[in-house]
Amino acid sequence: MSTSEEWRAIAGYEGYYEVSSHGRVRRLARYVRTKNGCFKLHPTRFVGGYVHPKSGYPQVRLSRDGDARTASIHMLVCEAFHGARPSPQHEVAHGDGTRSNNAAYNLRWATKIENAADRVIHGTQQRGETAPISKLTDEDVRAIRRLHHGRYGDGIRLARQFGVSNTQITNIIKNRQWGHV
């Protein structure tokens, strides 16, 4: 891990914006024509970002020649320091699992499967009772497996008892869902 901060141009915004190895974004100094035709110097400044409310990833707003777009900081850093995305199936993986840590050393390109495996290792994968839409707890699943004897009507009875569908019960019994319990 390097302590010195290195700056690189953002692809498509060369001469306008740069991203650092520490995950910071800055707008470069430039002269801008005002309404009355004069030129005004806009000094170099850091671009304040925000955390996207649904994804939880830090983002910034970039503009050039009247066109503006929102960009995720981790994508900007990974493209600048690790090259272009190898394929459309690749996404940015955070080495420590922290979405706000956008330092270049912490980021890499990974497939969706590799990234999902990382989330399980980091403990950031929402599954089981940690998933926001879960109706069951780990203990409920253990009880369903313990109470299911394979007799006709067991699935329907357990589905009513636990407030889920018969298909959900079948998937739990066959370890298609909640396999980690």
N, C-alpha and C. Protein backbone atom coordinates (compact mmCIF):
# COMPACT_ATOMS: atom_id res chain seq x y z
N MET A 1 0.85 -1.17 0.00
CA MET A 1 0.00 0.00 0.00
C MET A 1 0.89 1.24 0.00
N SER A 2 0.70 2.09 -0.97
CA SER A 2 1.49 3.30 -1.11
C SER A 2 0.81 4.45 -0.36
N THR A 3 1.65 5.27 0.32
CA THR A 3 1.09 6.41 1.05
C THR A 3 1.05 7.66 0.19
N SER A 4 1.87 7.70 -0.88
CA SER A 4 1.83 8.89 -1.74
C SER A 4 0.63 8.80 -2.67
N GLU A 5 0.04 9.94 -2.90
CA GLU A 5 -1.17 10.01 -3.71
C GLU A 5 -0.80 10.30 -5.15
N GLU A 6 -1.27 9.45 -6.06
CA GLU A 6 -1.01 9.62 -7.48
C GLU A 6 -2.31 10.02 -8.16
N TRP A 7 -2.21 10.99 -9.09
CA TRP A 7 -3.39 11.47 -9.80
C TRP A 7 -3.34 11.05 -11.26
N ARG A 8 -4.49 10.63 -11.80
CA ARG A 8 -4.59 10.26 -13.21
C ARG A 8 -5.87 10.86 -13.80
N ALA A 9 -5.79 11.13 -15.11
CA ALA A 9 -6.95 11.71 -15.80
C ALA A 9 -8.09 10.71 -15.87
N ILE A 10 -9.31 11.22 -15.81
CA ILE A 10 -10.50 10.38 -15.96
C ILE A 10 -10.80 10.27 -17.45
N ALA A 11 -10.95 9.05 -17.92
CA ALA A 11 -11.20 8.80 -19.35
C ALA A 11 -12.44 9.57 -19.80
N GLY A 12 -12.28 10.31 -20.90
CA GLY A 12 -13.37 11.12 -21.44
C GLY A 12 -13.43 12.51 -20.84
N TYR A 13 -12.68 12.74 -19.78
CA TYR A 13 -12.66 14.04 -19.11
C TYR A 13 -11.23 14.53 -18.93
N GLU A 14 -10.34 14.15 -19.84
CA GLU A 14 -8.95 14.58 -19.78
C GLU A 14 -8.90 16.11 -19.81
N GLY A 15 -8.10 16.68 -18.93
CA GLY A 15 -7.99 18.13 -18.84
C GLY A 15 -9.10 18.77 -18.01
N TYR A 16 -10.07 17.99 -17.59
CA TYR A 16 -11.19 18.51 -16.79
C TYR A 16 -11.18 17.93 -15.37
N TYR A 17 -11.01 16.62 -15.27
CA TYR A 17 -11.06 15.95 -13.97
C TYR A 17 -9.94 14.93 -13.85
N GLU A 18 -9.53 14.69 -12.60
CA GLU A 18 -8.57 13.63 -12.29
C GLU A 18 -9.07 12.86 -11.07
N VAL A 19 -8.62 11.61 -10.98
CA VAL A 19 -8.96 10.76 -9.85
C VAL A 19 -7.64 10.31 -9.22
N SER A 20 -7.63 10.15 -7.91
CA SER A 20 -6.40 9.79 -7.22
C SER A 20 -6.39 8.33 -6.80
N SER A 21 -5.20 7.85 -6.46
CA SER A 21 -5.04 6.49 -5.98
C SER A 21 -5.69 6.30 -4.61
N HIS A 22 -6.04 7.39 -3.95
CA HIS A 22 -6.74 7.33 -2.66
C HIS A 22 -8.26 7.41 -2.81
N GLY A 23 -8.74 7.54 -4.06
CA GLY A 23 -10.18 7.57 -4.30
C GLY A 23 -10.79 8.95 -4.23
N ARG A 24 -9.98 10.00 -4.42
CA ARG A 24 -10.51 11.37 -4.42
C ARG A 24 -10.61 11.86 -5.86
N VAL A 25 -11.53 12.79 -6.12
CA VAL A 25 -11.74 13.35 -7.45
C VAL A 25 -11.54 14.86 -7.36
N ARG A 26 -10.86 15.41 -8.35
CA ARG A 26 -10.68 16.86 -8.38
C ARG A 26 -10.95 17.40 -9.78
N ARG A 27 -11.49 18.62 -9.81
CA ARG A 27 -11.70 19.34 -11.06
C ARG A 27 -10.46 20.19 -11.28
N LEU A 28 -9.91 20.15 -12.48
CA LEU A 28 -8.69 20.90 -12.78
C LEU A 28 -9.00 22.36 -13.06
N ALA A 29 -8.01 23.21 -12.81
CA ALA A 29 -8.16 24.64 -13.06
C ALA A 29 -8.35 24.87 -14.56
N ARG A 30 -9.26 25.78 -14.90
CA ARG A 30 -9.47 26.12 -16.31
C ARG A 30 -10.20 27.45 -16.39
N TYR A 31 -10.04 28.08 -17.52
CA TYR A 31 -10.75 29.33 -17.78
C TYR A 31 -12.10 29.02 -18.42
N VAL A 32 -13.12 29.70 -17.94
CA VAL A 32 -14.48 29.50 -18.42
C VAL A 32 -15.03 30.85 -18.87
N ARG A 33 -15.66 30.86 -20.03
CA ARG A 33 -16.25 32.09 -20.57
C ARG A 33 -17.53 32.41 -19.79
N THR A 34 -17.64 33.63 -19.32
CA THR A 34 -18.82 34.07 -18.58
C THR A 34 -19.88 34.58 -19.55
N LYS A 35 -21.03 34.97 -19.02
CA LYS A 35 -22.13 35.46 -19.86
C LYS A 35 -21.78 36.73 -20.62
N ASN A 36 -20.93 37.58 -20.01
CA ASN A 36 -20.58 38.83 -20.68
C ASN A 36 -19.36 38.70 -21.61
N GLY A 37 -18.90 37.46 -21.84
CA GLY A 37 -17.81 37.23 -22.79
C GLY A 37 -16.43 37.23 -22.19
N CYS A 38 -16.30 37.57 -20.94
CA CYS A 38 -14.99 37.55 -20.28
C CYS A 38 -14.64 36.12 -19.87
N PHE A 39 -13.38 35.92 -19.52
CA PHE A 39 -12.95 34.61 -19.03
C PHE A 39 -12.67 34.69 -17.55
N LYS A 40 -13.09 33.67 -16.83
CA LYS A 40 -12.90 33.61 -15.39
C LYS A 40 -12.16 32.32 -15.08
N LEU A 41 -11.18 32.40 -14.19
CA LEU A 41 -10.42 31.21 -13.80
C LEU A 41 -11.20 30.44 -12.74
N HIS A 42 -11.49 29.19 -13.04
CA HIS A 42 -12.05 28.27 -12.05
C HIS A 42 -10.87 27.47 -11.51
N PRO A 43 -10.51 27.67 -10.25
CA PRO A 43 -9.32 26.99 -9.71
C PRO A 43 -9.54 25.50 -9.51
N THR A 44 -8.44 24.78 -9.35
CA THR A 44 -8.52 23.35 -9.04
C THR A 44 -9.22 23.20 -7.69
N ARG A 45 -10.14 22.26 -7.63
CA ARG A 45 -10.84 21.99 -6.37
C ARG A 45 -11.27 20.53 -6.33
N PHE A 46 -11.43 20.04 -5.11
CA PHE A 46 -11.92 18.68 -4.94
C PHE A 46 -13.41 18.66 -5.20
N VAL A 47 -13.85 17.59 -5.82
CA VAL A 47 -15.27 17.44 -6.13
C VAL A 47 -15.92 16.67 -4.99
N GLY A 48 -16.92 17.29 -4.38
CA GLY A 48 -17.65 16.62 -3.31
C GLY A 48 -18.58 15.58 -3.89
N GLY A 49 -18.54 14.42 -3.34
CA GLY A 49 -19.41 13.35 -3.80
C GLY A 49 -20.55 13.12 -2.84
N TYR A 50 -21.31 12.10 -3.12
CA TYR A 50 -22.41 11.71 -2.23
C TYR A 50 -22.54 10.20 -2.32
N VAL A 51 -23.18 9.63 -1.33
CA VAL A 51 -23.40 8.18 -1.31
C VAL A 51 -24.77 7.91 -1.90
N HIS A 52 -24.80 7.06 -2.92
CA HIS A 52 -26.07 6.71 -3.56
C HIS A 52 -26.97 6.02 -2.53
N PRO A 53 -28.22 6.48 -2.39
CA PRO A 53 -29.08 5.95 -1.33
C PRO A 53 -29.41 4.46 -1.45
N LYS A 54 -29.46 3.93 -2.65
CA LYS A 54 -29.81 2.51 -2.80
C LYS A 54 -28.58 1.61 -2.84
N SER A 55 -27.58 1.99 -3.63
CA SER A 55 -26.41 1.11 -3.78
C SER A 55 -25.41 1.26 -2.63
N GLY A 56 -25.35 2.44 -2.02
CA GLY A 56 -24.39 2.68 -0.95
C GLY A 56 -23.00 3.01 -1.44
N TYR A 57 -22.83 3.21 -2.75
CA TYR A 57 -21.51 3.53 -3.31
C TYR A 57 -21.34 5.04 -3.46
N PRO A 58 -20.16 5.57 -3.11
CA PRO A 58 -19.89 7.00 -3.32
C PRO A 58 -19.88 7.34 -4.81
N GLN A 59 -20.48 8.47 -5.16
CA GLN A 59 -20.57 8.90 -6.55
C GLN A 59 -20.25 10.38 -6.65
N VAL A 60 -19.90 10.80 -7.87
CA VAL A 60 -19.66 12.21 -8.16
C VAL A 60 -20.37 12.58 -9.44
N ARG A 61 -20.60 13.87 -9.61
CA ARG A 61 -21.22 14.40 -10.82
C ARG A 61 -20.13 15.08 -11.64
N LEU A 62 -19.92 14.62 -12.88
CA LEU A 62 -18.92 15.16 -13.77
C LEU A 62 -19.61 15.88 -14.92
N SER A 63 -19.05 17.04 -15.32
CA SER A 63 -19.65 17.75 -16.45
C SER A 63 -18.56 18.27 -17.37
N ARG A 64 -18.91 18.32 -18.64
CA ARG A 64 -17.98 18.81 -19.66
C ARG A 64 -18.79 19.31 -20.84
N ASP A 65 -18.56 20.53 -21.23
CA ASP A 65 -19.22 21.12 -22.40
C ASP A 65 -20.74 21.03 -22.31
N GLY A 66 -21.28 21.23 -21.12
CA GLY A 66 -22.72 21.24 -20.95
C GLY A 66 -23.34 19.87 -20.71
N ASP A 67 -22.57 18.81 -20.88
CA ASP A 67 -23.08 17.45 -20.63
C ASP A 67 -22.61 17.01 -19.25
N ALA A 68 -23.53 16.46 -18.47
CA ALA A 68 -23.20 16.00 -17.12
C ALA A 68 -23.60 14.55 -16.97
N ARG A 69 -22.82 13.84 -16.17
CA ARG A 69 -23.15 12.44 -15.86
C ARG A 69 -22.71 12.13 -14.45
N THR A 70 -23.35 11.15 -13.86
CA THR A 70 -22.99 10.68 -12.54
C THR A 70 -22.09 9.46 -12.71
N ALA A 71 -21.03 9.40 -11.93
CA ALA A 71 -20.09 8.28 -12.02
C ALA A 71 -19.78 7.77 -10.62
N SER A 72 -19.67 6.46 -10.49
CA SER A 72 -19.27 5.85 -9.23
C SER A 72 -17.76 5.98 -9.09
N ILE A 73 -17.32 6.41 -7.92
CA ILE A 73 -15.90 6.67 -7.71
C ILE A 73 -15.09 5.39 -7.85
N HIS A 74 -15.60 4.27 -7.37
CA HIS A 74 -14.82 3.03 -7.47
C HIS A 74 -14.59 2.63 -8.93
N MET A 75 -15.54 2.93 -9.82
CA MET A 75 -15.36 2.65 -11.24
C MET A 75 -14.28 3.56 -11.82
N LEU A 76 -14.30 4.84 -11.47
CA LEU A 76 -13.31 5.78 -11.97
C LEU A 76 -11.90 5.38 -11.55
N VAL A 77 -11.73 5.02 -10.29
CA VAL A 77 -10.42 4.63 -9.77
C VAL A 77 -9.94 3.35 -10.43
N CYS A 78 -10.80 2.37 -10.54
CA CYS A 78 -10.40 1.08 -11.12
C CYS A 78 -10.02 1.25 -12.59
N GLU A 79 -10.77 2.04 -13.34
CA GLU A 79 -10.44 2.27 -14.75
C GLU A 79 -9.12 3.02 -14.88
N ALA A 80 -8.88 4.00 -14.02
CA ALA A 80 -7.66 4.81 -14.12
C ALA A 80 -6.41 4.03 -13.71
N PHE A 81 -6.52 3.16 -12.72
CA PHE A 81 -5.33 2.50 -12.18
C PHE A 81 -5.20 1.03 -12.55
N HIS A 82 -6.26 0.41 -13.04
CA HIS A 82 -6.20 -1.01 -13.41
C HIS A 82 -6.62 -1.26 -14.85
N GLY A 83 -6.81 -0.20 -15.62
CA GLY A 83 -7.17 -0.33 -17.02
C GLY A 83 -8.66 -0.44 -17.23
N ALA A 84 -9.04 -0.50 -18.50
CA ALA A 84 -10.46 -0.57 -18.85
C ALA A 84 -11.06 -1.90 -18.39
N ARG A 85 -12.35 -1.91 -18.25
CA ARG A 85 -13.08 -3.11 -17.86
C ARG A 85 -12.77 -4.23 -18.87
N PRO A 86 -12.29 -5.39 -18.40
CA PRO A 86 -11.91 -6.46 -19.32
C PRO A 86 -13.06 -6.97 -20.19
N SER A 87 -14.26 -7.01 -19.63
CA SER A 87 -15.43 -7.46 -20.38
C SER A 87 -16.68 -6.91 -19.69
N PRO A 88 -17.81 -6.95 -20.38
CA PRO A 88 -19.05 -6.47 -19.73
C PRO A 88 -19.44 -7.29 -18.50
N GLN A 89 -18.91 -8.49 -18.38
CA GLN A 89 -19.23 -9.35 -17.23
C GLN A 89 -18.41 -8.99 -15.99
N HIS A 90 -17.41 -8.12 -16.14
CA HIS A 90 -16.57 -7.75 -15.01
C HIS A 90 -17.15 -6.54 -14.28
N GLU A 91 -16.92 -6.51 -12.99
CA GLU A 91 -17.33 -5.40 -12.14
C GLU A 91 -16.22 -5.13 -11.15
N VAL A 92 -16.31 -4.04 -10.44
CA VAL A 92 -15.27 -3.68 -9.48
C VAL A 92 -15.50 -4.45 -8.18
N ALA A 93 -14.43 -5.04 -7.67
CA ALA A 93 -14.49 -5.76 -6.39
C ALA A 93 -13.64 -5.00 -5.38
N HIS A 94 -14.17 -4.82 -4.18
CA HIS A 94 -13.45 -4.17 -3.09
C HIS A 94 -12.76 -5.26 -2.27
N GLY A 95 -11.45 -5.17 -2.12
CA GLY A 95 -10.68 -6.19 -1.41
C GLY A 95 -11.10 -6.39 0.03
N ASP A 96 -11.48 -5.31 0.71
CA ASP A 96 -11.86 -5.42 2.11
C ASP A 96 -13.38 -5.45 2.32
N GLY A 97 -14.14 -5.34 1.23
CA GLY A 97 -15.59 -5.39 1.34
C GLY A 97 -16.24 -4.10 1.77
N THR A 98 -15.46 -3.01 1.92
CA THR A 98 -16.00 -1.73 2.35
C THR A 98 -16.25 -0.86 1.13
N ARG A 99 -17.49 -0.50 0.88
CA ARG A 99 -17.86 0.26 -0.32
C ARG A 99 -17.25 1.66 -0.34
N SER A 100 -16.95 2.21 0.80
CA SER A 100 -16.41 3.57 0.85
C SER A 100 -14.89 3.60 0.69
N ASN A 101 -14.22 2.46 0.74
CA ASN A 101 -12.76 2.40 0.59
C ASN A 101 -12.44 2.26 -0.89
N ASN A 102 -12.26 3.39 -1.57
CA ASN A 102 -12.02 3.38 -3.01
C ASN A 102 -10.57 3.62 -3.37
N ALA A 103 -9.65 3.23 -2.52
CA ALA A 103 -8.23 3.33 -2.82
C ALA A 103 -7.88 2.30 -3.90
N ALA A 104 -6.94 2.66 -4.77
CA ALA A 104 -6.59 1.81 -5.90
C ALA A 104 -6.11 0.42 -5.45
N TYR A 105 -5.34 0.34 -4.36
CA TYR A 105 -4.84 -0.95 -3.89
C TYR A 105 -5.97 -1.89 -3.46
N ASN A 106 -7.13 -1.32 -3.10
CA ASN A 106 -8.24 -2.10 -2.58
C ASN A 106 -9.20 -2.57 -3.67
N LEU A 107 -9.01 -2.09 -4.91
CA LEU A 107 -9.95 -2.39 -5.99
C LEU A 107 -9.32 -3.30 -7.04
N ARG A 108 -10.16 -4.10 -7.70
CA ARG A 108 -9.73 -4.95 -8.81
C ARG A 108 -10.94 -5.29 -9.65
N TRP A 109 -10.68 -5.72 -10.88
CA TRP A 109 -11.76 -6.20 -11.74
C TRP A 109 -12.03 -7.66 -11.38
N ALA A 110 -13.30 -8.03 -11.29
CA ALA A 110 -13.69 -9.40 -10.97
C ALA A 110 -15.00 -9.71 -11.68
N THR A 111 -15.23 -10.99 -11.92
CA THR A 111 -16.51 -11.39 -12.50
C THR A 111 -17.58 -11.32 -11.42
N LYS A 112 -18.83 -11.38 -11.82
CA LYS A 112 -19.93 -11.34 -10.85
C LYS A 112 -19.82 -12.50 -9.86
N ILE A 113 -19.41 -13.66 -10.33
CA ILE A 113 -19.28 -14.83 -9.45
C ILE A 113 -18.15 -14.62 -8.43
N GLU A 114 -17.01 -14.08 -8.89
CA GLU A 114 -15.90 -13.80 -7.97
C GLU A 114 -16.30 -12.75 -6.94
N ASN A 115 -17.01 -11.73 -7.37
CA ASN A 115 -17.43 -10.67 -6.47
C ASN A 115 -18.43 -11.21 -5.44
N ALA A 116 -19.34 -12.07 -5.88
CA ALA A 116 -20.30 -12.68 -4.95
C ALA A 116 -19.59 -13.54 -3.91
N ALA A 117 -18.56 -14.27 -4.34
CA ALA A 117 -17.78 -15.09 -3.40
C ALA A 117 -17.06 -14.20 -2.39
N ASP A 118 -16.55 -13.05 -2.84
CA ASP A 118 -15.92 -12.10 -1.93
C ASP A 118 -16.90 -11.59 -0.88
N ARG A 119 -18.13 -11.31 -1.29
CA ARG A 119 -19.14 -10.80 -0.35
C ARG A 119 -19.44 -11.83 0.75
N VAL A 120 -19.43 -13.09 0.40
CA VAL A 120 -19.64 -14.13 1.41
C VAL A 120 -18.47 -14.15 2.39
N ILE A 121 -17.24 -14.05 1.85
CA ILE A 121 -16.05 -14.05 2.70
C ILE A 121 -16.03 -12.83 3.63
N HIS A 122 -16.39 -11.66 3.11
CA HIS A 122 -16.39 -10.42 3.91
C HIS A 122 -17.54 -10.37 4.89
N GLY A 123 -18.58 -11.18 4.66
CA GLY A 123 -19.76 -11.13 5.50
C GLY A 123 -20.71 -10.02 5.12
N THR A 124 -20.57 -9.48 3.90
CA THR A 124 -21.44 -8.40 3.45
C THR A 124 -22.58 -8.90 2.56
N GLN A 125 -22.62 -10.19 2.29
CA GLN A 125 -23.69 -10.76 1.48
C GLN A 125 -24.95 -10.88 2.34
N GLN A 126 -26.02 -10.26 1.88
CA GLN A 126 -27.28 -10.37 2.62
C GLN A 126 -27.95 -11.67 2.22
N ARG A 127 -27.99 -12.58 3.14
CA ARG A 127 -28.66 -13.85 2.89
C ARG A 127 -29.27 -14.34 4.19
N GLY A 128 -30.25 -15.20 4.04
CA GLY A 128 -30.91 -15.70 5.23
C GLY A 128 -31.66 -14.60 5.95
N GLU A 129 -31.57 -14.60 7.26
CA GLU A 129 -32.34 -13.63 8.04
C GLU A 129 -31.78 -12.22 7.94
N THR A 130 -30.57 -12.03 7.40
CA THR A 130 -30.04 -10.68 7.22
C THR A 130 -30.60 -10.00 5.98
N ALA A 131 -31.23 -10.74 5.09
CA ALA A 131 -31.85 -10.15 3.91
C ALA A 131 -33.08 -9.36 4.35
N PRO A 132 -33.26 -8.15 3.82
CA PRO A 132 -34.36 -7.30 4.29
C PRO A 132 -35.75 -7.87 4.03
N ILE A 133 -35.91 -8.74 3.05
CA ILE A 133 -37.25 -9.26 2.73
C ILE A 133 -37.51 -10.62 3.37
N SER A 134 -36.59 -11.09 4.19
CA SER A 134 -36.72 -12.43 4.77
C SER A 134 -37.89 -12.49 5.76
N LYS A 135 -38.69 -13.54 5.62
CA LYS A 135 -39.79 -13.77 6.56
C LYS A 135 -39.39 -14.77 7.63
N LEU A 136 -38.30 -15.50 7.39
CA LEU A 136 -37.88 -16.56 8.28
C LEU A 136 -36.57 -16.22 8.97
N THR A 137 -36.34 -16.85 10.10
CA THR A 137 -35.06 -16.76 10.79
C THR A 137 -34.32 -18.08 10.60
N ASP A 138 -33.05 -18.09 10.95
CA ASP A 138 -32.28 -19.33 10.87
C ASP A 138 -32.92 -20.42 11.72
N GLU A 139 -33.43 -20.03 12.89
CA GLU A 139 -34.08 -21.01 13.77
C GLU A 139 -35.36 -21.56 13.15
N ASP A 140 -36.13 -20.70 12.43
CA ASP A 140 -37.32 -21.18 11.73
C ASP A 140 -36.96 -22.24 10.70
N VAL A 141 -35.89 -22.03 9.98
CA VAL A 141 -35.47 -22.97 8.94
C VAL A 141 -35.07 -24.30 9.57
N ARG A 142 -34.34 -24.24 10.68
CA ARG A 142 -33.98 -25.48 11.37
C ARG A 142 -35.23 -26.22 11.84
N ALA A 143 -36.21 -25.47 12.31
CA ALA A 143 -37.47 -26.08 12.77
C ALA A 143 -38.22 -26.71 11.61
N ILE A 144 -38.26 -26.04 10.45
CA ILE A 144 -38.93 -26.59 9.27
C ILE A 144 -38.29 -27.91 8.88
N ARG A 145 -36.98 -27.95 8.86
CA ARG A 145 -36.28 -29.20 8.49
C ARG A 145 -36.51 -30.30 9.53
N ARG A 146 -36.59 -29.91 10.77
CA ARG A 146 -36.82 -30.89 11.83
C ARG A 146 -38.26 -31.42 11.81
N LEU A 147 -39.24 -30.54 11.48
CA LEU A 147 -40.66 -30.93 11.50
C LEU A 147 -41.14 -31.60 10.22
N HIS A 148 -40.35 -31.49 9.15
CA HIS A 148 -40.75 -32.10 7.87
C HIS A 148 -40.38 -33.58 7.88
N HIS A 149 -41.39 -34.43 7.72
CA HIS A 149 -41.16 -35.88 7.76
C HIS A 149 -41.36 -36.52 6.40
N GLY A 150 -41.69 -35.75 5.39
CA GLY A 150 -41.86 -36.29 4.04
C GLY A 150 -43.24 -36.85 3.78
N ARG A 151 -44.16 -36.66 4.70
CA ARG A 151 -45.51 -37.17 4.51
C ARG A 151 -46.32 -36.18 3.69
N TYR A 152 -47.36 -36.70 3.07
CA TYR A 152 -48.25 -35.87 2.26
C TYR A 152 -48.86 -34.78 3.15
N GLY A 153 -48.79 -33.55 2.70
CA GLY A 153 -49.38 -32.43 3.43
C GLY A 153 -48.43 -31.73 4.37
N ASP A 154 -47.22 -32.28 4.59
CA ASP A 154 -46.25 -31.63 5.48
C ASP A 154 -45.89 -30.23 4.98
N GLY A 155 -45.64 -30.12 3.70
CA GLY A 155 -45.24 -28.84 3.12
C GLY A 155 -46.30 -27.77 3.30
N ILE A 156 -47.55 -28.14 3.02
CA ILE A 156 -48.66 -27.19 3.14
C ILE A 156 -48.86 -26.78 4.59
N ARG A 157 -48.79 -27.76 5.49
CA ARG A 157 -48.96 -27.48 6.91
C ARG A 157 -47.86 -26.54 7.42
N LEU A 158 -46.62 -26.81 7.04
CA LEU A 158 -45.50 -25.96 7.47
C LEU A 158 -45.56 -24.57 6.84
N ALA A 159 -46.00 -24.52 5.58
CA ALA A 159 -46.13 -23.23 4.90
C ALA A 159 -47.12 -22.34 5.64
N ARG A 160 -48.26 -22.91 6.03
CA ARG A 160 -49.25 -22.13 6.78
C ARG A 160 -48.73 -21.74 8.16
N GLN A 161 -48.03 -22.66 8.80
CA GLN A 161 -47.51 -22.41 10.14
C GLN A 161 -46.49 -21.27 10.15
N PHE A 162 -45.63 -21.21 9.12
CA PHE A 162 -44.55 -20.22 9.08
C PHE A 162 -44.84 -19.02 8.18
N GLY A 163 -46.00 -19.01 7.52
CA GLY A 163 -46.40 -17.86 6.72
C GLY A 163 -45.62 -17.69 5.42
N VAL A 164 -45.22 -18.80 4.81
CA VAL A 164 -44.52 -18.76 3.53
C VAL A 164 -45.23 -19.72 2.57
N SER A 165 -44.74 -19.79 1.33
CA SER A 165 -45.37 -20.65 0.34
C SER A 165 -44.88 -22.10 0.48
N ASN A 166 -45.66 -22.99 -0.10
CA ASN A 166 -45.28 -24.41 -0.13
C ASN A 166 -43.99 -24.58 -0.93
N THR A 167 -43.83 -23.78 -1.99
CA THR A 167 -42.60 -23.84 -2.79
C THR A 167 -41.39 -23.46 -1.94
N GLN A 168 -41.55 -22.46 -1.09
CA GLN A 168 -40.46 -22.07 -0.19
C GLN A 168 -40.08 -23.21 0.73
N ILE A 169 -41.06 -23.89 1.27
CA ILE A 169 -40.79 -25.04 2.15
C ILE A 169 -40.03 -26.13 1.38
N THR A 170 -40.48 -26.43 0.17
CA THR A 170 -39.81 -27.45 -0.66
C THR A 170 -38.36 -27.04 -0.92
N ASN A 171 -38.13 -25.77 -1.25
CA ASN A 171 -36.77 -25.30 -1.52
C ASN A 171 -35.88 -25.37 -0.29
N ILE A 172 -36.45 -25.15 0.88
CA ILE A 172 -35.69 -25.25 2.13
C ILE A 172 -35.33 -26.71 2.40
N ILE A 173 -36.29 -27.59 2.24
CA ILE A 173 -36.06 -29.02 2.50
C ILE A 173 -35.00 -29.58 1.54
N LYS A 174 -35.03 -29.15 0.29
CA LYS A 174 -34.08 -29.67 -0.71
C LYS A 174 -32.79 -28.85 -0.78
N ASN A 175 -32.59 -27.94 0.19
CA ASN A 175 -31.39 -27.09 0.28
C ASN A 175 -31.15 -26.23 -0.95
N ARG A 176 -32.20 -25.87 -1.66
CA ARG A 176 -32.07 -24.92 -2.76
C ARG A 176 -32.01 -23.49 -2.23
N GLN A 177 -32.60 -23.27 -1.08
CA GLN A 177 -32.55 -21.99 -0.38
C GLN A 177 -32.17 -22.27 1.07
N TRP A 178 -31.56 -21.29 1.68
CA TRP A 178 -31.12 -21.39 3.07
C TRP A 178 -30.13 -22.55 3.27
N GLY A 179 -29.34 -22.81 2.25
CA GLY A 179 -28.36 -23.90 2.33
C GLY A 179 -27.26 -23.64 3.34
N HIS A 180 -27.05 -22.40 3.71
CA HIS A 180 -26.00 -22.05 4.67
C HIS A 180 -26.39 -22.38 6.10
N VAL A 181 -27.67 -22.73 6.33
CA VAL A 181 -28.14 -23.03 7.69
C VAL A 181 -28.09 -24.53 7.90
